[in-house]
Amino acid sequence: MLECIVTKFGGSSLASDEQFRKVRSILELEPTRQYLVPSAPGKRYPSDEKVTDLLYACYEQASAGKPFADQFIKIRERYLSIAQLLHLKVDIEAALSEVEQGIAGGRSRDWCASRGEYLCGMLVADYLGWRFVDAADGIRFRDDGTLDDERTQELLSGLLKDRKPSVVPGFYGAKENGEVVTFSRGGSDITGALVARAVNADVYENWTDVSGFLMADPRIIESPAEISSITYKELRELSHMGASVLHEDAMFPVHRAGIPTNIRNTNKPYHPGTLISKNAPNEVSVPTITGIAGHKGYSVIYVEKNMMNSEVGFGRKVLSVLEEYGISFEHMPTGIDSMCVVVNSELLNPHREEVISRLEKLVEGSGSVTVNDNMSIIATVGRGMVHNCGTAARLFGAMSRARINVRMIDQGSSELSIIVGVNDCDFEATIHAIYHEFVE
């Protein structure tokens, strides 16, 4: 039996008074849902504006010495409307005035952006009759702006140890001096994970507007199958390649603590969603693949040098050049006298000539350096691959039948994924070919 569940509700789940009511009904379904992490109110309809975007706009206007009243009145109306329609008692008008004065008084960009979650947290706490815990008191950042993980665990666990139902706003924390610092966009997912770890939750529920993960991008595959369960390692592979439902950094706190994460849909509360766990649940049959994801826009730096394999440290020299220009590599297939380094084209382009020149000096007189662009990388991920013979043969057979040329092949040591590089123009066709081979 579950004793403690931490819930995080995204901006779409808290966009209006109607959504607030849905959230309360979800909490009432399971009394062990004792902690809630809210995002700032999101869009109510496609042309609507997110509160966080409005706050950023207010900050930019104020920083430029321009009036921001037009933007702030939209923020004020959003919160006042929710408070009035839900008959809340909290003095949200006074809190809004403090935020407006703070923006006008030159408060930091992070402080301004964080007020969306802060104000929403006040509303949610009042609506539920729960305790409000300011994230600035429990989530600690170092002076360089990075999360102080150990200090955060100490502070949050201390604040929440009494198991009193509490609301902790997402997205932000503070340095020791009280200066507010925000995570990257979508960072409320991280807050939720930190709270779940702090209270040693049985489950971390992340409520959003989709019913968990899909096996492929619905913009490419029509009505792709849903993923009922996935491991953190599989999710890490898919998230890196572009599958985005949960903030990538939110996986680590709960992963380390062994706490499963359940992605759920606020608008479909009885749908089981996707369960993410450290170890795969016991299933009657594990599908060969869990999901497919990928990105366009990569470049392949092809370095050829005679007797490369006998030159100790040559690979380090190549990667050191990329490091100097702040370019990380994605994959690095090698041969006896050659190596390919796959990088994001956007990172390479500003330094292309310098990088090539530096690499050419490393192979001067005994090799060459060429760069090929317009490559896509597609990852086919699944814990079932290791138990199913012929997976690679099926994958490449499907690509061959679709007449897709393979530019690169890489299989991770974990045996969780097979990664292929194809021309950008073949990106969608490749995903179609692989999906229909394994799913339909």
Protein backbone atom coordinates (compact mmCIF):
# COMPACT_ATOMS: atom_id res chain seq x y z
CA MET A 1 0.00 0.00 0.00
CA LEU A 2 1.31 3.44 -0.95
CA GLU A 3 1.94 5.72 2.03
CA CYS A 4 3.16 8.91 0.35
CA ILE A 5 2.71 10.33 -3.15
CA VAL A 6 4.19 13.59 -4.41
CA THR A 7 2.28 15.26 -7.24
CA LYS A 8 3.50 17.86 -9.68
CA PHE A 9 0.94 19.67 -11.84
CA GLY A 10 2.02 21.47 -15.00
CA GLY A 11 0.88 24.82 -16.30
CA SER A 12 -1.94 23.41 -18.42
CA SER A 13 -3.26 21.62 -15.32
CA LEU A 14 -3.52 24.93 -13.44
CA ALA A 15 -4.49 27.29 -16.24
CA SER A 16 -7.99 28.13 -14.95
CA ASP A 17 -10.44 27.67 -12.09
CA GLU A 18 -11.87 24.64 -13.90
CA GLN A 19 -8.43 23.01 -13.97
CA PHE A 20 -7.94 23.79 -10.27
CA ARG A 21 -11.13 21.84 -9.57
CA LYS A 22 -9.81 18.88 -11.54
CA VAL A 23 -6.62 18.96 -9.50
CA ARG A 24 -8.51 18.85 -6.21
CA SER A 25 -10.67 15.95 -7.39
CA ILE A 26 -7.50 14.02 -8.33
CA LEU A 27 -6.03 14.61 -4.88
CA GLU A 28 -9.26 13.49 -3.23
CA LEU A 29 -9.15 10.18 -5.13
CA GLU A 30 -6.01 9.17 -3.20
CA PRO A 31 -5.52 10.51 0.35
CA THR A 32 -1.80 9.63 0.29
CA ARG A 33 -1.23 12.40 -2.27
CA GLN A 34 0.22 14.68 0.39
CA TYR A 35 2.54 17.05 -1.47
CA LEU A 36 1.87 19.21 -4.51
CA VAL A 37 4.34 21.10 -6.71
CA PRO A 38 2.61 23.60 -9.05
CA SER A 39 3.84 25.29 -12.21
CA ALA A 40 2.68 28.77 -13.18
CA PRO A 41 -0.67 28.89 -15.01
CA GLY A 42 -0.26 27.92 -18.66
CA LYS A 43 -2.40 28.44 -21.74
CA ARG A 44 -6.17 28.08 -21.46
CA TYR A 45 -6.54 27.93 -25.24
CA PRO A 46 -4.07 27.87 -28.17
CA SER A 47 -3.79 31.66 -28.62
CA ASP A 48 -3.51 32.32 -24.88
CA GLU A 49 -0.27 33.37 -23.16
CA LYS A 50 1.60 31.55 -20.41
CA VAL A 51 2.03 33.53 -17.19
CA THR A 52 5.79 32.86 -17.19
CA ASP A 53 6.12 34.36 -20.67
CA LEU A 54 4.21 37.44 -19.51
CA LEU A 55 6.52 37.80 -16.51
CA TYR A 56 9.59 37.60 -18.72
CA ALA A 57 8.04 40.27 -20.96
CA CYS A 58 7.42 42.51 -17.94
CA TYR A 59 11.03 42.12 -16.86
CA GLU A 60 12.37 42.96 -20.32
CA GLN A 61 10.20 46.05 -20.56
CA ALA A 62 11.17 47.25 -17.08
CA SER A 63 14.86 46.60 -17.74
CA ALA A 64 14.64 48.76 -20.86
CA GLY A 65 13.00 51.55 -18.89
CA LYS A 66 9.68 51.02 -20.63
CA PRO A 67 6.21 50.63 -19.06
CA PHE A 68 4.99 47.07 -18.56
CA ALA A 69 1.47 47.75 -17.30
CA ASP A 70 -0.19 46.19 -20.36
CA GLN A 71 1.55 42.87 -19.74
CA PHE A 72 1.10 42.89 -15.98
CA ILE A 73 -2.61 43.56 -16.13
CA LYS A 74 -2.99 40.24 -17.96
CA ILE A 75 -1.13 38.51 -15.13
CA ARG A 76 -3.25 40.25 -12.51
CA GLU A 77 -6.47 39.27 -14.26
CA ARG A 78 -5.43 35.60 -14.48
CA TYR A 79 -4.80 35.23 -10.76
CA LEU A 80 -7.70 37.38 -9.62
CA SER A 81 -10.08 35.46 -11.86
CA ILE A 82 -9.04 32.12 -10.37
CA ALA A 83 -9.20 33.48 -6.82
CA GLN A 84 -12.66 34.99 -7.32
CA LEU A 85 -14.21 32.01 -9.10
CA LEU A 86 -12.91 29.62 -6.44
CA HIS A 87 -13.91 31.97 -3.60
CA LEU A 88 -10.42 32.01 -2.12
CA LYS A 89 -9.50 34.00 0.99
CA VAL A 90 -5.79 34.54 0.34
CA ASP A 91 -4.91 38.20 -0.31
CA ILE A 92 -3.61 37.59 -3.81
CA GLU A 93 -4.13 41.26 -4.70
CA ALA A 94 -1.51 42.32 -2.17
CA ALA A 95 0.89 39.61 -3.40
CA LEU A 96 0.42 40.78 -6.99
CA SER A 97 1.16 44.35 -5.99
CA GLU A 98 4.40 43.22 -4.34
CA VAL A 99 5.41 41.44 -7.54
CA GLU A 100 4.59 44.48 -9.67
CA GLN A 101 6.64 46.70 -7.37
CA GLY A 102 9.51 44.21 -7.43
CA ILE A 103 9.62 44.23 -11.23
CA ALA A 104 9.50 48.02 -11.31
CA GLY A 105 12.18 48.18 -8.61
CA GLY A 106 14.71 46.21 -10.64
CA ARG A 107 14.45 42.73 -9.16
CA SER A 108 16.38 40.03 -11.04
CA ARG A 109 15.13 38.18 -14.09
CA ASP A 110 14.98 34.92 -12.13
CA TRP A 111 13.01 36.52 -9.30
CA CYS A 112 10.48 37.96 -11.75
CA ALA A 113 10.02 34.65 -13.58
CA SER A 114 9.67 32.67 -10.34
CA ARG A 115 6.69 34.69 -9.18
CA GLY A 116 4.39 32.75 -11.52
CA GLU A 117 4.87 29.57 -9.49
CA TYR A 118 5.01 31.48 -6.21
CA LEU A 119 1.61 33.12 -6.75
CA CYS A 120 0.06 29.94 -8.11
CA GLY A 121 1.32 28.06 -5.07
CA MET A 122 -0.43 30.57 -2.81
CA LEU A 123 -3.71 30.00 -4.65
CA VAL A 124 -3.43 26.21 -4.62
CA ALA A 125 -2.53 26.09 -0.92
CA ASP A 126 -5.51 28.25 -0.01
CA TYR A 127 -7.87 26.24 -2.23
CA LEU A 128 -6.79 22.93 -0.71
CA GLY A 129 -6.33 24.18 2.84
CA TRP A 130 -2.73 22.96 2.76
CA ARG A 131 0.48 24.50 4.09
CA PHE A 132 2.45 26.76 1.74
CA VAL A 133 6.22 26.15 1.77
CA ASP A 134 8.29 28.67 -0.17
CA ALA A 135 10.74 26.82 -2.43
CA ALA A 136 13.32 29.50 -1.65
CA ASP A 137 13.50 28.09 1.87
CA GLY A 138 14.08 24.51 0.78
CA ILE A 139 15.91 24.44 -2.54
CA ARG A 140 19.44 25.77 -2.40
CA PHE A 141 21.71 26.96 -5.19
CA ARG A 142 25.43 27.61 -4.94
CA ASP A 143 26.93 31.00 -5.71
CA ASP A 144 27.73 29.86 -9.28
CA GLY A 145 24.04 29.11 -9.90
CA THR A 146 24.26 25.31 -9.76
CA LEU A 147 22.00 23.24 -7.54
CA ASP A 148 23.44 22.34 -4.14
CA ASP A 149 21.98 18.85 -4.05
CA GLU A 150 23.04 17.85 -0.54
CA ARG A 151 21.98 21.11 1.08
CA THR A 152 18.64 20.96 -0.74
CA GLN A 153 17.99 17.45 0.55
CA GLU A 154 18.82 18.57 4.08
CA LEU A 155 16.58 21.64 3.96
CA LEU A 156 13.61 20.11 2.17
CA SER A 157 13.51 16.95 4.27
CA GLY A 158 13.60 19.12 7.39
CA LEU A 159 10.76 21.35 6.22
CA LEU A 160 8.53 18.46 5.15
CA LYS A 161 9.37 15.74 7.67
CA ASP A 162 6.11 16.18 9.61
CA ARG A 163 4.17 14.82 6.60
CA LYS A 164 1.73 17.70 6.75
CA PRO A 165 0.06 18.19 3.34
CA SER A 166 2.06 20.93 1.65
CA VAL A 167 2.36 22.98 -1.53
CA VAL A 168 5.91 23.74 -2.72
CA PRO A 169 6.09 26.02 -5.79
CA GLY A 170 8.14 24.64 -8.66
CA PHE A 171 10.85 26.11 -10.89
CA TYR A 172 12.94 28.06 -8.37
CA GLY A 173 15.04 28.07 -5.22
CA ALA A 174 17.55 30.48 -3.70
CA LYS A 175 21.18 30.97 -2.78
CA GLU A 176 22.22 31.20 0.87
CA ASN A 177 21.91 35.00 0.66
CA GLY A 178 18.27 34.70 -0.41
CA GLU A 179 18.82 35.56 -4.08
CA VAL A 180 16.23 33.65 -6.12
CA VAL A 181 17.52 31.32 -8.84
CA THR A 182 15.39 29.43 -11.37
CA PHE A 183 15.91 26.14 -13.12
CA SER A 184 15.69 26.04 -16.92
CA ARG A 185 12.20 26.15 -18.45
CA GLY A 186 10.16 23.17 -17.35
CA GLY A 187 12.13 23.09 -14.12
CA SER A 188 9.08 22.46 -11.95
CA ASP A 189 9.61 18.80 -12.89
CA ILE A 190 12.94 19.00 -11.05
CA THR A 191 11.33 20.57 -7.99
CA GLY A 192 8.82 17.75 -7.87
CA ALA A 193 11.58 15.16 -8.05
CA LEU A 194 13.53 16.89 -5.26
CA VAL A 195 10.44 16.98 -3.04
CA ALA A 196 9.74 13.29 -3.77
CA ARG A 197 13.27 12.36 -2.74
CA ALA A 198 13.16 14.59 0.36
CA VAL A 199 10.07 12.84 1.74
CA ASN A 200 11.08 9.39 0.41
CA ALA A 201 7.85 9.15 -1.57
CA ASP A 202 6.52 5.85 -2.86
CA VAL A 203 5.67 7.47 -6.21
CA TYR A 204 6.30 10.80 -7.91
CA GLU A 205 3.29 11.66 -10.06
CA ASN A 206 3.86 14.19 -12.83
CA TRP A 207 0.48 15.43 -14.06
CA THR A 208 0.33 17.14 -17.43
CA ASP A 209 -1.93 17.31 -20.51
CA VAL A 210 -0.82 14.04 -22.13
CA SER A 211 -1.33 10.44 -21.02
CA GLY A 212 2.34 9.55 -20.68
CA PHE A 213 4.91 8.79 -23.36
CA LEU A 214 4.25 7.71 -26.93
CA MET A 215 6.45 5.31 -28.88
CA ALA A 216 7.11 7.92 -31.56
CA ASP A 217 6.50 11.58 -32.38
CA PRO A 218 2.77 11.96 -33.25
CA ARG A 219 3.74 14.62 -35.78
CA ILE A 220 5.48 11.87 -37.74
CA ILE A 221 3.54 8.72 -36.83
CA GLU A 222 -0.24 8.99 -36.76
CA SER A 223 -1.64 7.82 -33.41
CA PRO A 224 1.53 6.10 -32.14
CA ALA A 225 1.20 3.42 -29.46
CA GLU A 226 1.46 4.43 -25.82
CA ILE A 227 4.32 3.35 -23.55
CA SER A 228 2.90 1.78 -20.40
CA SER A 229 6.23 1.25 -18.64
CA ILE A 230 9.81 2.35 -19.19
CA THR A 231 13.05 2.32 -17.21
CA TYR A 232 14.98 5.46 -16.30
CA LYS A 233 17.83 4.31 -18.55
CA GLU A 234 15.50 3.96 -21.54
CA LEU A 235 13.95 7.33 -20.81
CA ARG A 236 17.39 8.93 -20.62
CA GLU A 237 18.16 7.60 -24.11
CA LEU A 238 14.85 8.81 -25.57
CA SER A 239 14.91 12.19 -23.79
CA HIS A 240 18.39 12.92 -25.11
CA MET A 241 17.10 12.28 -28.62
CA GLY A 242 14.15 14.61 -28.29
CA ALA A 243 11.28 12.77 -26.59
CA SER A 244 10.08 15.52 -24.24
CA VAL A 245 7.34 15.06 -21.66
CA LEU A 246 9.47 15.22 -18.53
CA HIS A 247 12.37 17.60 -17.90
CA GLU A 248 15.53 15.55 -18.46
CA ASP A 249 17.19 16.66 -15.20
CA ALA A 250 14.12 15.62 -13.21
CA MET A 251 15.03 11.97 -13.61
CA PHE A 252 18.19 11.99 -11.52
CA PRO A 253 16.92 12.75 -7.96
CA VAL A 254 14.18 10.11 -8.09
CA HIS A 255 16.30 7.66 -10.08
CA ARG A 256 19.02 7.70 -7.44
CA ALA A 257 16.45 7.27 -4.69
CA GLY A 258 14.74 4.40 -6.49
CA ILE A 259 11.40 6.24 -6.61
CA PRO A 260 9.19 5.46 -9.63
CA THR A 261 7.69 8.32 -11.64
CA ASN A 262 4.20 8.15 -13.09
CA ILE A 263 3.32 10.48 -15.97
CA ARG A 264 -0.44 11.16 -15.79
CA ASN A 265 -3.05 13.23 -17.62
CA THR A 266 -5.00 15.76 -15.55
CA ASN A 267 -7.84 15.65 -18.08
CA LYS A 268 -7.96 11.82 -18.01
CA PRO A 269 -7.32 11.02 -14.33
CA TYR A 270 -8.18 7.32 -14.62
CA HIS A 271 -5.70 6.66 -17.41
CA PRO A 272 -2.69 4.81 -15.91
CA GLY A 273 -0.19 6.84 -17.94
CA THR A 274 3.46 5.80 -18.17
CA LEU A 275 5.34 4.34 -15.21
CA ILE A 276 9.08 5.07 -15.12
CA SER A 277 11.09 2.86 -12.78
CA LYS A 278 14.66 2.00 -11.98
CA ASN A 279 14.13 -1.64 -12.85
CA ALA A 280 11.59 -2.85 -15.36
CA PRO A 281 8.34 -4.10 -13.83
CA ASN A 282 7.49 -7.77 -14.15
CA GLU A 283 5.64 -8.01 -17.43
CA VAL A 284 4.30 -11.08 -19.20
CA SER A 285 5.93 -9.99 -22.43
CA VAL A 286 8.37 -7.15 -22.91
CA PRO A 287 8.13 -5.46 -26.33
CA THR A 288 11.29 -5.55 -28.40
CA ILE A 289 11.43 -1.77 -28.62
CA THR A 290 10.13 0.83 -26.21
CA GLY A 291 10.33 3.92 -28.39
CA ILE A 292 11.92 5.78 -31.29
CA ALA A 293 13.22 9.35 -31.20
CA GLY A 294 15.66 11.46 -33.14
CA HIS A 295 16.99 14.82 -34.24
CA LYS A 296 17.99 16.46 -37.49
CA GLY A 297 20.90 18.81 -38.01
CA TYR A 298 24.13 16.97 -37.26
CA SER A 299 27.55 17.14 -38.89
CA VAL A 300 30.09 14.34 -39.18
CA ILE A 301 33.74 15.27 -38.88
CA TYR A 302 35.71 12.53 -40.64
CA VAL A 303 39.36 12.38 -39.55
CA GLU A 304 41.70 10.03 -41.42
CA LYS A 305 45.34 9.46 -40.45
CA ASN A 306 47.82 6.73 -41.31
CA MET A 307 48.64 4.46 -38.35
CA MET A 308 46.12 6.28 -36.15
CA ASN A 309 45.61 3.21 -33.99
CA SER A 310 49.25 3.18 -32.90
CA GLU A 311 49.40 6.86 -31.91
CA VAL A 312 48.61 7.00 -28.22
CA GLY A 313 46.42 9.97 -27.30
CA PHE A 314 45.32 10.91 -30.81
CA GLY A 315 41.62 10.65 -29.98
CA ARG A 316 42.15 12.87 -26.96
CA LYS A 317 43.83 15.49 -29.16
CA VAL A 318 40.86 15.52 -31.54
CA LEU A 319 38.33 15.88 -28.75
CA SER A 320 40.45 18.55 -27.06
CA VAL A 321 40.07 20.74 -30.13
CA LEU A 322 36.29 20.46 -29.91
CA GLU A 323 36.40 21.10 -26.17
CA GLU A 324 38.26 24.37 -26.68
CA TYR A 325 35.37 25.64 -28.77
CA GLY A 326 32.66 24.36 -26.44
CA ILE A 327 31.49 21.64 -28.81
CA SER A 328 30.32 18.35 -27.31
CA PHE A 329 30.20 15.20 -29.40
CA GLU A 330 27.23 12.87 -29.78
CA HIS A 331 28.85 9.73 -31.18
CA MET A 332 32.30 8.64 -32.28
CA PRO A 333 32.50 5.54 -34.52
CA THR A 334 36.12 4.59 -35.23
CA GLY A 335 38.23 2.51 -37.61
CA ILE A 336 41.92 1.55 -37.62
CA ASP A 337 43.05 4.68 -39.45
CA SER A 338 39.95 6.85 -39.11
CA MET A 339 37.46 8.26 -36.69
CA CYS A 340 34.15 10.04 -37.12
CA VAL A 341 32.97 12.59 -34.62
CA VAL A 342 29.28 13.45 -34.78
CA VAL A 343 28.42 16.94 -33.51
CA ASN A 344 25.46 19.29 -33.53
CA SER A 345 25.76 21.52 -36.61
CA GLU A 346 24.58 24.60 -34.70
CA LEU A 347 27.48 24.24 -32.28
CA LEU A 348 30.01 23.58 -35.02
CA ASN A 349 29.04 26.27 -37.55
CA PRO A 350 30.32 29.36 -35.67
CA HIS A 351 33.78 27.73 -35.34
CA ARG A 352 33.82 25.51 -38.42
CA GLU A 353 36.89 26.95 -40.15
CA GLU A 354 38.96 27.13 -36.96
CA VAL A 355 38.09 23.56 -35.95
CA ILE A 356 38.90 22.13 -39.36
CA SER A 357 42.18 24.05 -39.48
CA ARG A 358 43.21 22.78 -36.05
CA LEU A 359 42.34 19.18 -36.93
CA GLU A 360 44.17 19.37 -40.24
CA LYS A 361 47.35 20.26 -38.35
CA LEU A 362 46.97 17.05 -36.33
CA VAL A 363 46.97 14.91 -39.51
CA GLU A 364 49.26 17.09 -41.64
CA GLY A 365 51.17 15.05 -44.21
CA SER A 366 49.52 11.74 -43.37
CA GLY A 367 45.77 12.19 -43.50
CA SER A 368 42.76 14.39 -44.17
CA VAL A 369 39.77 16.04 -42.53
CA THR A 370 36.33 16.34 -44.14
CA VAL A 371 32.97 17.45 -42.81
CA ASN A 372 29.60 16.18 -44.03
CA ASP A 373 26.43 17.96 -42.97
CA ASN A 374 22.68 17.34 -43.03
CA MET A 375 22.66 14.13 -41.04
CA SER A 376 19.89 12.98 -38.70
CA ILE A 377 20.41 10.68 -35.75
CA ILE A 378 17.64 8.26 -34.80
CA ALA A 379 17.68 6.10 -31.68
CA THR A 380 15.62 2.94 -31.42
CA VAL A 381 15.44 2.16 -27.70
CA GLY A 382 14.23 -0.91 -25.83
CA ARG A 383 15.16 -3.16 -22.95
CA GLY A 384 13.63 -6.04 -24.92
CA MET A 385 16.36 -5.88 -27.57
CA VAL A 386 18.79 -7.97 -25.52
CA HIS A 387 16.30 -10.85 -25.34
CA ASN A 388 15.19 -10.81 -28.98
CA CYS A 389 17.58 -12.18 -31.58
CA GLY A 390 17.69 -10.49 -34.95
CA THR A 391 16.57 -7.05 -33.80
CA ALA A 392 19.31 -5.28 -35.77
CA ALA A 393 18.59 -7.40 -38.84
CA ARG A 394 14.92 -6.43 -38.71
CA LEU A 395 15.75 -2.75 -38.25
CA PHE A 396 18.19 -2.55 -41.14
CA GLY A 397 15.98 -4.76 -43.30
CA ALA A 398 13.12 -2.31 -42.82
CA MET A 399 15.38 0.60 -43.77
CA SER A 400 16.66 -1.28 -46.82
CA ARG A 401 13.13 -1.99 -48.06
CA ALA A 402 12.39 1.72 -47.69
CA ARG A 403 15.53 2.42 -49.75
CA ILE A 404 17.15 4.50 -47.00
CA ASN A 405 20.91 4.86 -47.03
CA VAL A 406 22.59 4.37 -43.64
CA ARG A 407 25.38 6.88 -43.00
CA MET A 408 26.30 5.78 -39.49
CA ILE A 409 25.64 2.88 -37.10
CA ASP A 410 26.29 2.91 -33.37
CA GLN A 411 25.06 0.51 -30.68
CA GLY A 412 25.52 1.46 -27.07
CA SER A 413 27.32 -0.86 -24.66
CA SER A 414 24.14 -1.07 -22.56
CA GLU A 415 22.40 -2.85 -25.47
CA LEU A 416 19.44 -0.55 -24.87
CA SER A 417 19.62 1.27 -28.19
CA ILE A 418 20.59 1.07 -31.82
CA ILE A 419 21.51 4.44 -33.28
CA VAL A 420 21.57 5.17 -36.99
CA GLY A 421 22.59 8.23 -38.95
CA VAL A 422 20.70 9.04 -42.14
CA ASN A 423 20.33 12.02 -44.46
CA ASP A 424 18.04 14.71 -43.09
CA CYS A 425 15.71 14.16 -46.03
CA ASP A 426 15.21 10.52 -44.90
CA PHE A 427 14.47 11.36 -41.25
CA GLU A 428 10.70 10.88 -41.27
CA ALA A 429 10.84 7.89 -43.63
CA THR A 430 13.31 6.13 -41.34
CA ILE A 431 11.10 6.55 -38.29
CA HIS A 432 8.13 5.26 -40.29
CA ALA A 433 10.07 2.22 -41.50
CA ILE A 434 11.34 1.25 -38.03
CA TYR A 435 8.03 1.90 -36.27
CA HIS A 436 5.97 -0.15 -38.68
CA GLU A 437 8.50 -3.00 -38.57
CA PHE A 438 8.28 -3.41 -34.80
CA VAL A 439 4.88 -2.05 -33.84
CA GLU A 440 2.49 -2.78 -36.68
